[in-house]
Amino acid sequence: MMANRSRTLYAGVTNDLVRRVCEHKTMLKEGFTRRYLIDRLVFFEDGNDIRDAIAREKQVKGWTRDKKVAFIESINPGWEGLSVKLGIVTAEILRSFRSLAATSSPQDDNNDARPC
């Protein structure tokens, strides 16, 4: 599930979470998430069966907004963006880190992170 600053919610299913989050963060695709600037990953589940994932997506989309909010707040009370924790960083974040690194002591770049 993703959200924007005003906590408008979006639920979806994907076979590549990193790619999909990057698409949202860079606003590559037209549609709901671009129109409402949905760019913060606030919850995700991992699974192996696409049929189960689609069924779960439908279940979540059937919940009331209040239930979705309560669910997110039960596991992510601060609505923190989870993408950095997954190693997904935007080009803007990478530029900031590189700029800081250039002005401070030498550090290794985080080669484990996948930029958008």
PDB file of N, CA and C in Angstrom:
ATOM      1  N   MET A   1       0.848  -1.167   0.000  1.00  0.00           N
ATOM      2  CA  MET A   1       0.000   0.000   0.000  1.00  0.00           C
ATOM      3  C   MET A   1       0.890   1.226   0.000  1.00  0.00           C
ATOM      4  N   MET A   2       0.469   2.195  -0.748  1.00  0.00           N
ATOM      5  CA  MET A   2       1.208   3.441  -0.844  1.00  0.00           C
ATOM      6  C   MET A   2       0.282   4.587  -0.476  1.00  0.00           C
ATOM      7  N   ALA A   3       0.897   5.704  -0.124  1.00  0.00           N
ATOM      8  CA  ALA A   3       0.124   6.875   0.287  1.00  0.00           C
ATOM      9  C   ALA A   3       0.860   8.140  -0.145  1.00  0.00           C
ATOM     10  N   ASN A   4       0.144   9.251  -0.014  1.00  0.00           N
ATOM     11  CA  ASN A   4       0.782  10.543  -0.221  1.00  0.00           C
ATOM     12  C   ASN A   4       0.845  11.275   1.119  1.00  0.00           C
ATOM     13  N   ARG A   5       1.265  12.516   1.108  1.00  0.00           N
ATOM     14  CA  ARG A   5       1.398  13.271   2.361  1.00  0.00           C
ATOM     15  C   ARG A   5       0.081  13.410   3.106  1.00  0.00           C
ATOM     16  N   SER A   6      -1.011  13.541   2.360  1.00  0.00           N
ATOM     17  CA  SER A   6      -2.311  13.692   3.023  1.00  0.00           C
ATOM     18  C   SER A   6      -2.980  12.343   3.271  1.00  0.00           C
ATOM     19  N   ARG A   7      -2.226  11.269   3.065  1.00  0.00           N
ATOM     20  CA  ARG A   7      -2.644   9.902   3.372  1.00  0.00           C
ATOM     21  C   ARG A   7      -3.760   9.367   2.481  1.00  0.00           C
ATOM     22  N   THR A   8      -3.792   9.834   1.247  1.00  0.00           N
ATOM     23  CA  THR A   8      -4.626   9.182   0.247  1.00  0.00           C
ATOM     24  C   THR A   8      -3.963   7.842  -0.020  1.00  0.00           C
ATOM     25  N   LEU A   9      -4.764   6.780  -0.091  1.00  0.00           N
ATOM     26  CA  LEU A   9      -4.210   5.424  -0.169  1.00  0.00           C
ATOM     27  C   LEU A   9      -4.355   4.801  -1.554  1.00  0.00           C
ATOM     28  N   TYR A  10      -3.406   3.939  -1.860  1.00  0.00           N
ATOM     29  CA  TYR A  10      -3.423   3.142  -3.085  1.00  0.00           C
ATOM     30  C   TYR A  10      -2.961   1.737  -2.722  1.00  0.00           C
ATOM     31  N   ALA A  11      -3.696   0.741  -3.179  1.00  0.00           N
ATOM     32  CA  ALA A  11      -3.298  -0.656  -2.979  1.00  0.00           C
ATOM     33  C   ALA A  11      -3.146  -1.306  -4.347  1.00  0.00           C
ATOM     34  N   GLY A  12      -2.111  -2.105  -4.492  1.00  0.00           N
ATOM     35  CA  GLY A  12      -1.886  -2.773  -5.762  1.00  0.00           C
ATOM     36  C   GLY A  12      -1.057  -4.023  -5.569  1.00  0.00           C
ATOM     37  N   VAL A  13      -0.893  -4.746  -6.657  1.00  0.00           N
ATOM     38  CA  VAL A  13      -0.098  -5.965  -6.647  1.00  0.00           C
ATOM     39  C   VAL A  13       0.947  -5.846  -7.759  1.00  0.00           C
ATOM     40  N   THR A  14       2.130  -6.399  -7.509  1.00  0.00           N
ATOM     41  CA  THR A  14       3.199  -6.353  -8.499  1.00  0.00           C
ATOM     42  C   THR A  14       4.104  -7.566  -8.329  1.00  0.00           C
ATOM     43  N   ASN A  15       4.821  -7.896  -9.375  1.00  0.00           N
ATOM     44  CA  ASN A  15       5.813  -8.967  -9.279  1.00  0.00           C
ATOM     45  C   ASN A  15       7.217  -8.404  -9.038  1.00  0.00           C
ATOM     46  N   ASP A  16       7.327  -7.077  -8.949  1.00  0.00           N
ATOM     47  CA  ASP A  16       8.624  -6.437  -8.716  1.00  0.00           C
ATOM     48  C   ASP A  16       8.389  -5.159  -7.898  1.00  0.00           C
ATOM     49  N   LEU A  17       8.458  -5.288  -6.584  1.00  0.00           N
ATOM     50  CA  LEU A  17       8.143  -4.173  -5.696  1.00  0.00           C
ATOM     51  C   LEU A  17       9.081  -2.986  -5.912  1.00  0.00           C
ATOM     52  N   VAL A  18      10.359  -3.251  -6.068  1.00  0.00           N
ATOM     53  CA  VAL A  18      11.322  -2.168  -6.263  1.00  0.00           C
ATOM     54  C   VAL A  18      10.975  -1.365  -7.513  1.00  0.00           C
ATOM     55  N   ARG A  19      10.753  -2.047  -8.623  1.00  0.00           N
ATOM     56  CA  ARG A  19      10.400  -1.362  -9.873  1.00  0.00           C
ATOM     57  C   ARG A  19       9.129  -0.551  -9.703  1.00  0.00           C
ATOM     58  N   ARG A  20       8.131  -1.155  -9.075  1.00  0.00           N
ATOM     59  CA  ARG A  20       6.831  -0.492  -8.949  1.00  0.00           C
ATOM     60  C   ARG A  20       6.909   0.738  -8.052  1.00  0.00           C
ATOM     61  N   VAL A  21       7.638   0.638  -6.941  1.00  0.00           N
ATOM     62  CA  VAL A  21       7.807   1.800  -6.066  1.00  0.00           C
ATOM     63  C   VAL A  21       8.540   2.907  -6.813  1.00  0.00           C
ATOM     64  N   CYS A  22       9.557   2.542  -7.561  1.00  0.00           N
ATOM     65  CA  CYS A  22      10.288   3.538  -8.351  1.00  0.00           C
ATOM     66  C   CYS A  22       9.369   4.225  -9.354  1.00  0.00           C
ATOM     67  N   GLU A  23       8.496   3.471  -9.986  1.00  0.00           N
ATOM     68  CA  GLU A  23       7.540   4.067 -10.925  1.00  0.00           C
ATOM     69  C   GLU A  23       6.661   5.091 -10.218  1.00  0.00           C
ATOM     70  N   HIS A  24       6.216   4.766  -9.011  1.00  0.00           N
ATOM     71  CA  HIS A  24       5.391   5.714  -8.258  1.00  0.00           C
ATOM     72  C   HIS A  24       6.207   6.939  -7.844  1.00  0.00           C
ATOM     73  N   LYS A  25       7.405   6.719  -7.336  1.00  0.00           N
ATOM     74  CA  LYS A  25       8.218   7.828  -6.858  1.00  0.00           C
ATOM     75  C   LYS A  25       8.631   8.778  -7.982  1.00  0.00           C
ATOM     76  N   THR A  26       8.827   8.266  -9.160  1.00  0.00           N
ATOM     77  CA  THR A  26       9.237   9.101 -10.285  1.00  0.00           C
ATOM     78  C   THR A  26       8.053   9.540 -11.144  1.00  0.00           C
ATOM     79  N   MET A  27       6.862   9.127 -10.762  1.00  0.00           N
ATOM     80  CA  MET A  27       5.620   9.526 -11.451  1.00  0.00           C
ATOM     81  C   MET A  27       5.678   9.201 -12.944  1.00  0.00           C
ATOM     82  N   LEU A  28       6.189   8.014 -13.263  1.00  0.00           N
ATOM     83  CA  LEU A  28       6.352   7.626 -14.660  1.00  0.00           C
ATOM     84  C   LEU A  28       5.044   7.331 -15.374  1.00  0.00           C
ATOM     85  N   LYS A  29       4.042   6.882 -14.653  1.00  0.00           N
ATOM     86  CA  LYS A  29       2.808   6.443 -15.297  1.00  0.00           C
ATOM     87  C   LYS A  29       1.667   7.393 -14.986  1.00  0.00           C
ATOM     88  N   GLU A  30       0.829   7.603 -16.003  1.00  0.00           N
ATOM     89  CA  GLU A  30      -0.383   8.402 -15.824  1.00  0.00           C
ATOM     90  C   GLU A  30      -1.336   7.637 -14.916  1.00  0.00           C
ATOM     91  N   GLY A  31      -2.253   8.344 -14.290  1.00  0.00           N
ATOM     92  CA  GLY A  31      -3.292   7.678 -13.535  1.00  0.00           C
ATOM     93  C   GLY A  31      -3.437   8.209 -12.119  1.00  0.00           C
ATOM     94  N   PHE A  32      -4.142   7.426 -11.304  1.00  0.00           N
ATOM     95  CA  PHE A  32      -4.492   7.810  -9.944  1.00  0.00           C
ATOM     96  C   PHE A  32      -3.285   8.215  -9.119  1.00  0.00           C
ATOM     97  N   THR A  33      -2.240   7.379  -9.123  1.00  0.00           N
ATOM     98  CA  THR A  33      -1.101   7.644  -8.241  1.00  0.00           C
ATOM     99  C   THR A  33      -0.346   8.903  -8.661  1.00  0.00           C
ATOM    100  N   ARG A  34      -0.298   9.180  -9.928  1.00  0.00           N
ATOM    101  CA  ARG A  34       0.355  10.411 -10.389  1.00  0.00           C
ATOM    102  C   ARG A  34      -0.512  11.627 -10.081  1.00  0.00           C
ATOM    103  N   ARG A  35      -1.801  11.489 -10.315  1.00  0.00           N
ATOM    104  CA  ARG A  35      -2.735  12.595 -10.072  1.00  0.00           C
ATOM    105  C   ARG A  35      -2.724  13.013  -8.600  1.00  0.00           C
ATOM    106  N   TYR A  36      -2.609  12.035  -7.696  1.00  0.00           N
ATOM    107  CA  TYR A  36      -2.641  12.328  -6.268  1.00  0.00           C
ATOM    108  C   TYR A  36      -1.260  12.283  -5.598  1.00  0.00           C
ATOM    109  N   LEU A  37      -0.213  12.210  -6.406  1.00  0.00           N
ATOM    110  CA  LEU A  37       1.172  12.216  -5.913  1.00  0.00           C
ATOM    111  C   LEU A  37       1.426  11.143  -4.854  1.00  0.00           C
ATOM    112  N   ILE A  38       0.966   9.939  -5.147  1.00  0.00           N
ATOM    113  CA  ILE A  38       1.160   8.785  -4.264  1.00  0.00           C
ATOM    114  C   ILE A  38       2.602   8.316  -4.435  1.00  0.00           C
ATOM    115  N   ASP A  39       3.416   8.474  -3.406  1.00  0.00           N
ATOM    116  CA  ASP A  39       4.837   8.145  -3.566  1.00  0.00           C
ATOM    117  C   ASP A  39       5.492   7.531  -2.332  1.00  0.00           C
ATOM    118  N   ARG A  40       4.709   7.186  -1.321  1.00  0.00           N
ATOM    119  CA  ARG A  40       5.280   6.654  -0.084  1.00  0.00           C
ATOM    120  C   ARG A  40       4.778   5.231   0.165  1.00  0.00           C
ATOM    121  N   LEU A  41       5.697   4.283   0.179  1.00  0.00           N
ATOM    122  CA  LEU A  41       5.353   2.899   0.506  1.00  0.00           C
ATOM    123  C   LEU A  41       5.144   2.813   2.011  1.00  0.00           C
ATOM    124  N   VAL A  42       3.914   2.495   2.443  1.00  0.00           N
ATOM    125  CA  VAL A  42       3.617   2.452   3.877  1.00  0.00           C
ATOM    126  C   VAL A  42       3.371   1.042   4.392  1.00  0.00           C
ATOM    127  N   PHE A  43       3.141   0.087   3.493  1.00  0.00           N
ATOM    128  CA  PHE A  43       2.941  -1.308   3.892  1.00  0.00           C
ATOM    129  C   PHE A  43       3.129  -2.193   2.672  1.00  0.00           C
ATOM    130  N   PHE A  44       3.676  -3.384   2.902  1.00  0.00           N
ATOM    131  CA  PHE A  44       3.744  -4.371   1.827  1.00  0.00           C
ATOM    132  C   PHE A  44       3.748  -5.764   2.421  1.00  0.00           C
ATOM    133  N   GLU A  45       3.324  -6.712   1.623  1.00  0.00           N
ATOM    134  CA  GLU A  45       3.397  -8.129   1.965  1.00  0.00           C
ATOM    135  C   GLU A  45       4.098  -8.831   0.823  1.00  0.00           C
ATOM    136  N   ASP A  46       4.817  -9.873   1.147  1.00  0.00           N
ATOM    137  CA  ASP A  46       5.537 -10.656   0.153  1.00  0.00           C
ATOM    138  C   ASP A  46       4.857 -12.011   0.029  1.00  0.00           C
ATOM    139  N   GLY A  47       4.769 -12.499  -1.170  1.00  0.00           N
ATOM    140  CA  GLY A  47       4.170 -13.811  -1.382  1.00  0.00           C
ATOM    141  C   GLY A  47       4.713 -14.457  -2.640  1.00  0.00           C
ATOM    142  N   ASN A  48       4.374 -15.707  -2.834  1.00  0.00           N
ATOM    143  CA  ASN A  48       4.867 -16.446  -3.990  1.00  0.00           C
ATOM    144  C   ASN A  48       3.799 -16.756  -5.024  1.00  0.00           C
ATOM    145  N   ASP A  49       2.549 -16.685  -4.643  1.00  0.00           N
ATOM    146  CA  ASP A  49       1.467 -17.081  -5.545  1.00  0.00           C
ATOM    147  C   ASP A  49       0.673 -15.857  -5.990  1.00  0.00           C
ATOM    148  N   ILE A  50       0.669 -15.582  -7.284  1.00  0.00           N
ATOM    149  CA  ILE A  50      -0.010 -14.401  -7.811  1.00  0.00           C
ATOM    150  C   ILE A  50      -1.501 -14.442  -7.529  1.00  0.00           C
ATOM    151  N   ARG A  51      -2.089 -15.626  -7.538  1.00  0.00           N
ATOM    152  CA  ARG A  51      -3.536 -15.721  -7.247  1.00  0.00           C
ATOM    153  C   ARG A  51      -3.835 -15.296  -5.820  1.00  0.00           C
ATOM    154  N   ASP A  52      -2.977 -15.703  -4.888  1.00  0.00           N
ATOM    155  CA  ASP A  52      -3.147 -15.279  -3.496  1.00  0.00           C
ATOM    156  C   ASP A  52      -2.965 -13.767  -3.364  1.00  0.00           C
ATOM    157  N   ALA A  53      -1.991 -13.231  -4.091  1.00  0.00           N
ATOM    158  CA  ALA A  53      -1.727 -11.793  -4.030  1.00  0.00           C
ATOM    159  C   ALA A  53      -2.909 -10.985  -4.572  1.00  0.00           C
ATOM    160  N   ILE A  54      -3.488 -11.438  -5.658  1.00  0.00           N
ATOM    161  CA  ILE A  54      -4.640 -10.742  -6.233  1.00  0.00           C
ATOM    162  C   ILE A  54      -5.845 -10.840  -5.301  1.00  0.00           C
ATOM    163  N   ALA A  55      -6.041 -11.992  -4.694  1.00  0.00           N
ATOM    164  CA  ALA A  55      -7.141 -12.158  -3.740  1.00  0.00           C
ATOM    165  C   ALA A  55      -6.946 -11.226  -2.546  1.00  0.00           C
ATOM    166  N   ARG A  56      -5.710 -11.109  -2.060  1.00  0.00           N
ATOM    167  CA  ARG A  56      -5.427 -10.217  -0.930  1.00  0.00           C
ATOM    168  C   ARG A  56      -5.654  -8.755  -1.318  1.00  0.00           C
ATOM    169  N   GLU A  57      -5.224  -8.394  -2.518  1.00  0.00           N
ATOM    170  CA  GLU A  57      -5.441  -7.030  -3.011  1.00  0.00           C
ATOM    171  C   GLU A  57      -6.936  -6.708  -3.037  1.00  0.00           C
ATOM    172  N   LYS A  58      -7.732  -7.617  -3.553  1.00  0.00           N
ATOM    173  CA  LYS A  58      -9.181  -7.402  -3.599  1.00  0.00           C
ATOM    174  C   LYS A  58      -9.761  -7.279  -2.201  1.00  0.00           C
ATOM    175  N   GLN A  59      -9.254  -8.105  -1.282  1.00  0.00           N
ATOM    176  CA  GLN A  59      -9.722  -8.048   0.099  1.00  0.00           C
ATOM    177  C   GLN A  59      -9.443  -6.667   0.696  1.00  0.00           C
ATOM    178  N   VAL A  60      -8.209  -6.204   0.553  1.00  0.00           N
ATOM    179  CA  VAL A  60      -7.811  -4.910   1.107  1.00  0.00           C
ATOM    180  C   VAL A  60      -8.600  -3.780   0.455  1.00  0.00           C
ATOM    181  N   LYS A  61      -8.769  -3.844  -0.852  1.00  0.00           N
ATOM    182  CA  LYS A  61      -9.524  -2.797  -1.549  1.00  0.00           C
ATOM    183  C   LYS A  61     -10.987  -2.775  -1.113  1.00  0.00           C
ATOM    184  N   GLY A  62     -11.486  -3.886  -0.593  1.00  0.00           N
ATOM    185  CA  GLY A  62     -12.860  -3.961  -0.111  1.00  0.00           C
ATOM    186  C   GLY A  62     -13.051  -3.391   1.288  1.00  0.00           C
ATOM    187  N   TRP A  63     -11.951  -3.167   1.991  1.00  0.00           N
ATOM    188  CA  TRP A  63     -12.033  -2.603   3.330  1.00  0.00           C
ATOM    189  C   TRP A  63     -12.464  -1.146   3.257  1.00  0.00           C
ATOM    190  N   THR A  64     -13.057  -0.673   4.349  1.00  0.00           N
ATOM    191  CA  THR A  64     -13.357   0.755   4.456  1.00  0.00           C
ATOM    192  C   THR A  64     -12.044   1.510   4.634  1.00  0.00           C
ATOM    193  N   ARG A  65     -12.082   2.787   4.364  1.00  0.00           N
ATOM    194  CA  ARG A  65     -10.888   3.610   4.567  1.00  0.00           C
ATOM    195  C   ARG A  65     -10.440   3.536   6.031  1.00  0.00           C
ATOM    196  N   ASP A  66     -11.391   3.607   6.955  1.00  0.00           N
ATOM    197  CA  ASP A  66     -11.048   3.546   8.378  1.00  0.00           C
ATOM    198  C   ASP A  66     -10.307   2.256   8.723  1.00  0.00           C
ATOM    199  N   LYS A  67     -10.731   1.147   8.138  1.00  0.00           N
ATOM    200  CA  LYS A  67     -10.071  -0.133   8.413  1.00  0.00           C
ATOM    201  C   LYS A  67      -8.657  -0.146   7.831  1.00  0.00           C
ATOM    202  N   LYS A  68      -8.485   0.412   6.626  1.00  0.00           N
ATOM    203  CA  LYS A  68      -7.152   0.484   6.017  1.00  0.00           C
ATOM    204  C   LYS A  68      -6.219   1.335   6.874  1.00  0.00           C
ATOM    205  N   VAL A  69      -6.710   2.486   7.316  1.00  0.00           N
ATOM    206  CA  VAL A  69      -5.904   3.382   8.137  1.00  0.00           C
ATOM    207  C   VAL A  69      -5.523   2.695   9.451  1.00  0.00           C
ATOM    208  N   ALA A  70      -6.483   2.057  10.101  1.00  0.00           N
ATOM    209  CA  ALA A  70      -6.207   1.355  11.359  1.00  0.00           C
ATOM    210  C   ALA A  70      -5.181   0.245  11.141  1.00  0.00           C
ATOM    211  N   PHE A  71      -5.285  -0.461  10.038  1.00  0.00           N
ATOM    212  CA  PHE A  71      -4.340  -1.536   9.725  1.00  0.00           C
ATOM    213  C   PHE A  71      -2.930  -0.976   9.558  1.00  0.00           C
ATOM    214  N   ILE A  72      -2.790   0.065   8.759  1.00  0.00           N
ATOM    215  CA  ILE A  72      -1.472   0.672   8.546  1.00  0.00           C
ATOM    216  C   ILE A  72      -0.904   1.182   9.866  1.00  0.00           C
ATOM    217  N   GLU A  73      -1.737   1.870  10.630  1.00  0.00           N
ATOM    218  CA  GLU A  73      -1.250   2.444  11.888  1.00  0.00           C
ATOM    219  C   GLU A  73      -0.899   1.375  12.921  1.00  0.00           C
ATOM    220  N   SER A  74      -1.464   0.193  12.788  1.00  0.00           N
ATOM    221  CA  SER A  74      -1.119  -0.882  13.723  1.00  0.00           C
ATOM    222  C   SER A  74       0.294  -1.413  13.485  1.00  0.00           C
ATOM    223  N   ILE A  75       0.803  -1.271  12.281  1.00  0.00           N
ATOM    224  CA  ILE A  75       2.148  -1.768  11.984  1.00  0.00           C
ATOM    225  C   ILE A  75       3.122  -0.671  11.570  1.00  0.00           C
ATOM    226  N   ASN A  76       2.608   0.475  11.186  1.00  0.00           N
ATOM    227  CA  ASN A  76       3.448   1.594  10.769  1.00  0.00           C
ATOM    228  C   ASN A  76       2.801   2.886  11.286  1.00  0.00           C
ATOM    229  N   PRO A  77       2.829   3.080  12.614  1.00  0.00           N
ATOM    230  CA  PRO A  77       2.086   4.184  13.212  1.00  0.00           C
ATOM    231  C   PRO A  77       2.483   5.569  12.711  1.00  0.00           C
ATOM    232  N   GLY A  78       3.729   5.739  12.313  1.00  0.00           N
ATOM    233  CA  GLY A  78       4.182   7.035  11.821  1.00  0.00           C
ATOM    234  C   GLY A  78       4.038   7.211  10.324  1.00  0.00           C
ATOM    235  N   TRP A  79       3.435   6.222   9.663  1.00  0.00           N
ATOM    236  CA  TRP A  79       3.291   6.252   8.204  1.00  0.00           C
ATOM    237  C   TRP A  79       4.651   6.500   7.550  1.00  0.00           C
ATOM    238  N   GLU A  80       5.674   5.866   8.095  1.00  0.00           N
ATOM    239  CA  GLU A  80       7.026   6.027   7.565  1.00  0.00           C
ATOM    240  C   GLU A  80       7.122   5.425   6.172  1.00  0.00           C
ATOM    241  N   GLY A  81       7.892   6.067   5.315  1.00  0.00           N
ATOM    242  CA  GLY A  81       8.172   5.505   4.004  1.00  0.00           C
ATOM    243  C   GLY A  81       9.103   4.321   4.150  1.00  0.00           C
ATOM    244  N   LEU A  82       8.713   3.182   3.647  1.00  0.00           N
ATOM    245  CA  LEU A  82       9.478   1.953   3.832  1.00  0.00           C
ATOM    246  C   LEU A  82      10.463   1.677   2.706  1.00  0.00           C
ATOM    247  N   SER A  83      10.447   2.481   1.660  1.00  0.00           N
ATOM    248  CA  SER A  83      11.274   2.174   0.503  1.00  0.00           C
ATOM    249  C   SER A  83      12.763   2.225   0.800  1.00  0.00           C
ATOM    250  N   VAL A  84      13.216   3.163   1.605  1.00  0.00           N
ATOM    251  CA  VAL A  84      14.642   3.239   1.927  1.00  0.00           C
ATOM    252  C   VAL A  84      15.069   2.005   2.708  1.00  0.00           C
ATOM    253  N   LYS A  85      14.192   1.515   3.581  1.00  0.00           N
ATOM    254  CA  LYS A  85      14.507   0.308   4.337  1.00  0.00           C
ATOM    255  C   LYS A  85      14.651  -0.910   3.424  1.00  0.00           C
ATOM    256  N   LEU A  86      14.023  -0.849   2.265  1.00  0.00           N
ATOM    257  CA  LEU A  86      14.128  -1.947   1.303  1.00  0.00           C
ATOM    258  C   LEU A  86      15.285  -1.746   0.335  1.00  0.00           C
ATOM    259  N   GLY A  87      16.017  -0.663   0.504  1.00  0.00           N
ATOM    260  CA  GLY A  87      17.142  -0.395  -0.391  1.00  0.00           C
ATOM    261  C   GLY A  87      16.720   0.301  -1.663  1.00  0.00           C
ATOM    262  N   ILE A  88      15.550   0.918  -1.659  1.00  0.00           N
ATOM    263  CA  ILE A  88      15.078   1.659  -2.829  1.00  0.00           C
ATOM    264  C   ILE A  88      15.331   3.127  -2.548  1.00  0.00           C
ATOM    265  N   VAL A  89      16.180   3.730  -3.329  1.00  0.00           N
ATOM    266  CA  VAL A  89      16.466   5.139  -3.130  1.00  0.00           C
ATOM    267  C   VAL A  89      16.254   5.893  -4.438  1.00  0.00           C
ATOM    268  N   THR A  90      15.798   7.106  -4.325  1.00  0.00           N
ATOM    269  CA  THR A  90      15.580   7.912  -5.516  1.00  0.00           C
ATOM    270  C   THR A  90      16.880   8.563  -5.944  1.00  0.00           C
ATOM    271  N   ALA A  91      16.933   9.003  -7.171  1.00  0.00           N
ATOM    272  CA  ALA A  91      18.114   9.691  -7.672  1.00  0.00           C
ATOM    273  C   ALA A  91      18.408  10.927  -6.835  1.00  0.00           C
ATOM    274  N   GLU A  92      17.362  11.609  -6.367  1.00  0.00           N
ATOM    275  CA  GLU A  92      17.539  12.795  -5.527  1.00  0.00           C
ATOM    276  C   GLU A  92      18.265  12.444  -4.223  1.00  0.00           C
ATOM    277  N   ILE A  93      17.882  11.342  -3.610  1.00  0.00           N
ATOM    278  CA  ILE A  93      18.538  10.904  -2.379  1.00  0.00           C
ATOM    279  C   ILE A  93      19.993  10.544  -2.664  1.00  0.00           C
ATOM    280  N   LEU A  94      20.232   9.836  -3.766  1.00  0.00           N
ATOM    281  CA  LEU A  94      21.608   9.479  -4.118  1.00  0.00           C
ATOM    282  C   LEU A  94      22.468  10.721  -4.330  1.00  0.00           C
ATOM    283  N   ARG A  95      21.926  11.727  -5.013  1.00  0.00           N
ATOM    284  CA  ARG A  95      22.678  12.967  -5.230  1.00  0.00           C
ATOM    285  C   ARG A  95      23.016  13.624  -3.894  1.00  0.00           C
ATOM    286  N   SER A  96      22.063  13.644  -2.968  1.00  0.00           N
ATOM    287  CA  SER A  96      22.297  14.246  -1.655  1.00  0.00           C
ATOM    288  C   SER A  96      23.391  13.506  -0.907  1.00  0.00           C
ATOM    289  N   PHE A  97      23.327  12.169  -0.911  1.00  0.00           N
ATOM    290  CA  PHE A  97      24.348  11.379  -0.230  1.00  0.00           C
ATOM    291  C   PHE A  97      25.721  11.612  -0.852  1.00  0.00           C
ATOM    292  N   ARG A  98      25.782  11.631  -2.166  1.00  0.00           N
ATOM    293  CA  ARG A  98      27.070  11.828  -2.840  1.00  0.00           C
ATOM    294  C   ARG A  98      27.627  13.217  -2.555  1.00  0.00           C
ATOM    295  N   SER A  99      26.746  14.204  -2.506  1.00  0.00           N
ATOM    296  CA  SER A  99      27.161  15.568  -2.197  1.00  0.00           C
ATOM    297  C   SER A  99      27.720  15.644  -0.783  1.00  0.00           C
ATOM    298  N   LEU A 100      27.044  15.023   0.165  1.00  0.00           N
ATOM    299  CA  LEU A 100      27.522  14.995   1.547  1.00  0.00           C
ATOM    300  C   LEU A 100      28.844  14.249   1.648  1.00  0.00           C
ATOM    301  N   ALA A 101      28.945  13.137   0.947  1.00  0.00           N
ATOM    302  CA  ALA A 101      30.157  12.327   0.992  1.00  0.00           C
ATOM    303  C   ALA A 101      31.350  13.103   0.428  1.00  0.00           C
ATOM    304  N   ALA A 102      31.091  13.917  -0.590  1.00  0.00           N
ATOM    305  CA  ALA A 102      32.168  14.682  -1.209  1.00  0.00           C
ATOM    306  C   ALA A 102      32.706  15.762  -0.276  1.00  0.00           C
ATOM    307  N   THR A 103      31.866  16.259   0.625  1.00  0.00           N
ATOM    308  CA  THR A 103      32.289  17.318   1.536  1.00  0.00           C
ATOM    309  C   THR A 103      32.754  16.793   2.890  1.00  0.00           C
ATOM    310  N   SER A 104      32.562  15.487   3.141  1.00  0.00           N
ATOM    311  CA  SER A 104      33.006  14.905   4.411  1.00  0.00           C
ATOM    312  C   SER A 104      34.028  13.826   4.135  1.00  0.00           C
ATOM    313  N   SER A 105      34.259  12.966   5.112  1.00  0.00           N
ATOM    314  CA  SER A 105      35.251  11.909   4.950  1.00  0.00           C
ATOM    315  C   SER A 105      34.799  10.906   3.898  1.00  0.00           C
ATOM    316  N   PRO A 106      35.752  10.269   3.218  1.00  0.00           N
ATOM    317  CA  PRO A 106      35.393   9.291   2.185  1.00  0.00           C
ATOM    318  C   PRO A 106      34.605   8.131   2.761  1.00  0.00           C
ATOM    319  N   GLN A 107      33.568   7.749   2.039  1.00  0.00           N
ATOM    320  CA  GLN A 107      32.740   6.616   2.434  1.00  0.00           C
ATOM    321  C   GLN A 107      32.422   5.804   1.193  1.00  0.00           C
ATOM    322  N   ASP A 108      32.145   4.529   1.405  1.00  0.00           N
ATOM    323  CA  ASP A 108      31.709   3.684   0.301  1.00  0.00           C
ATOM    324  C   ASP A 108      30.301   4.056  -0.090  1.00  0.00           C
ATOM    325  N   ASP A 109      30.015   4.072  -1.386  1.00  0.00           N
ATOM    326  CA  ASP A 109      28.630   4.215  -1.832  1.00  0.00           C
ATOM    327  C   ASP A 109      27.885   2.965  -1.416  1.00  0.00           C
ATOM    328  N   ASN A 110      26.593   3.083  -1.195  1.00  0.00           N
ATOM    329  CA  ASN A 110      25.783   1.925  -0.844  1.00  0.00           C
ATOM    330  C   ASN A 110      25.439   1.180  -2.130  1.00  0.00           C
ATOM    331  N   ASN A 111      26.256   0.229  -2.494  1.00  0.00           N
ATOM    332  CA  ASN A 111      26.049  -0.507  -3.737  1.00  0.00           C
ATOM    333  C   ASN A 111      24.883  -1.472  -3.661  1.00  0.00           C
ATOM    334  N   ASP A 112      24.351  -1.710  -2.457  1.00  0.00           N
ATOM    335  CA  ASP A 112      23.205  -2.593  -2.305  1.00  0.00           C
ATOM    336  C   ASP A 112      21.882  -1.900  -2.666  1.00  0.00           C
ATOM    337  N   ALA A 113      21.887  -0.570  -2.641  1.00  0.00           N
ATOM    338  CA  ALA A 113      20.662   0.170  -2.922  1.00  0.00           C
ATOM    339  C   ALA A 113      20.402   0.218  -4.422  1.00  0.00           C
ATOM    340  N   ARG A 114      19.138   0.094  -4.777  1.00  0.00           N
ATOM    341  CA  ARG A 114      18.737   0.195  -6.180  1.00  0.00           C
ATOM    342  C   ARG A 114      18.073   1.540  -6.401  1.00  0.00           C
ATOM    343  N   PRO A 115      18.700   2.418  -7.191  1.00  0.00           N
ATOM    344  CA  PRO A 115      18.093   3.725  -7.419  1.00  0.00           C
ATOM    345  C   PRO A 115      16.908   3.638  -8.368  1.00  0.00           C
ATOM    346  N   CYS A 116      16.024   4.575  -8.207  1.00  0.00           N
ATOM    347  CA  CYS A 116      14.892   4.676  -9.134  1.00  0.00           C
ATOM    348  C   CYS A 116      15.360   5.350 -10.394  1.00  0.00           C
TER     349      CYS A 116
END
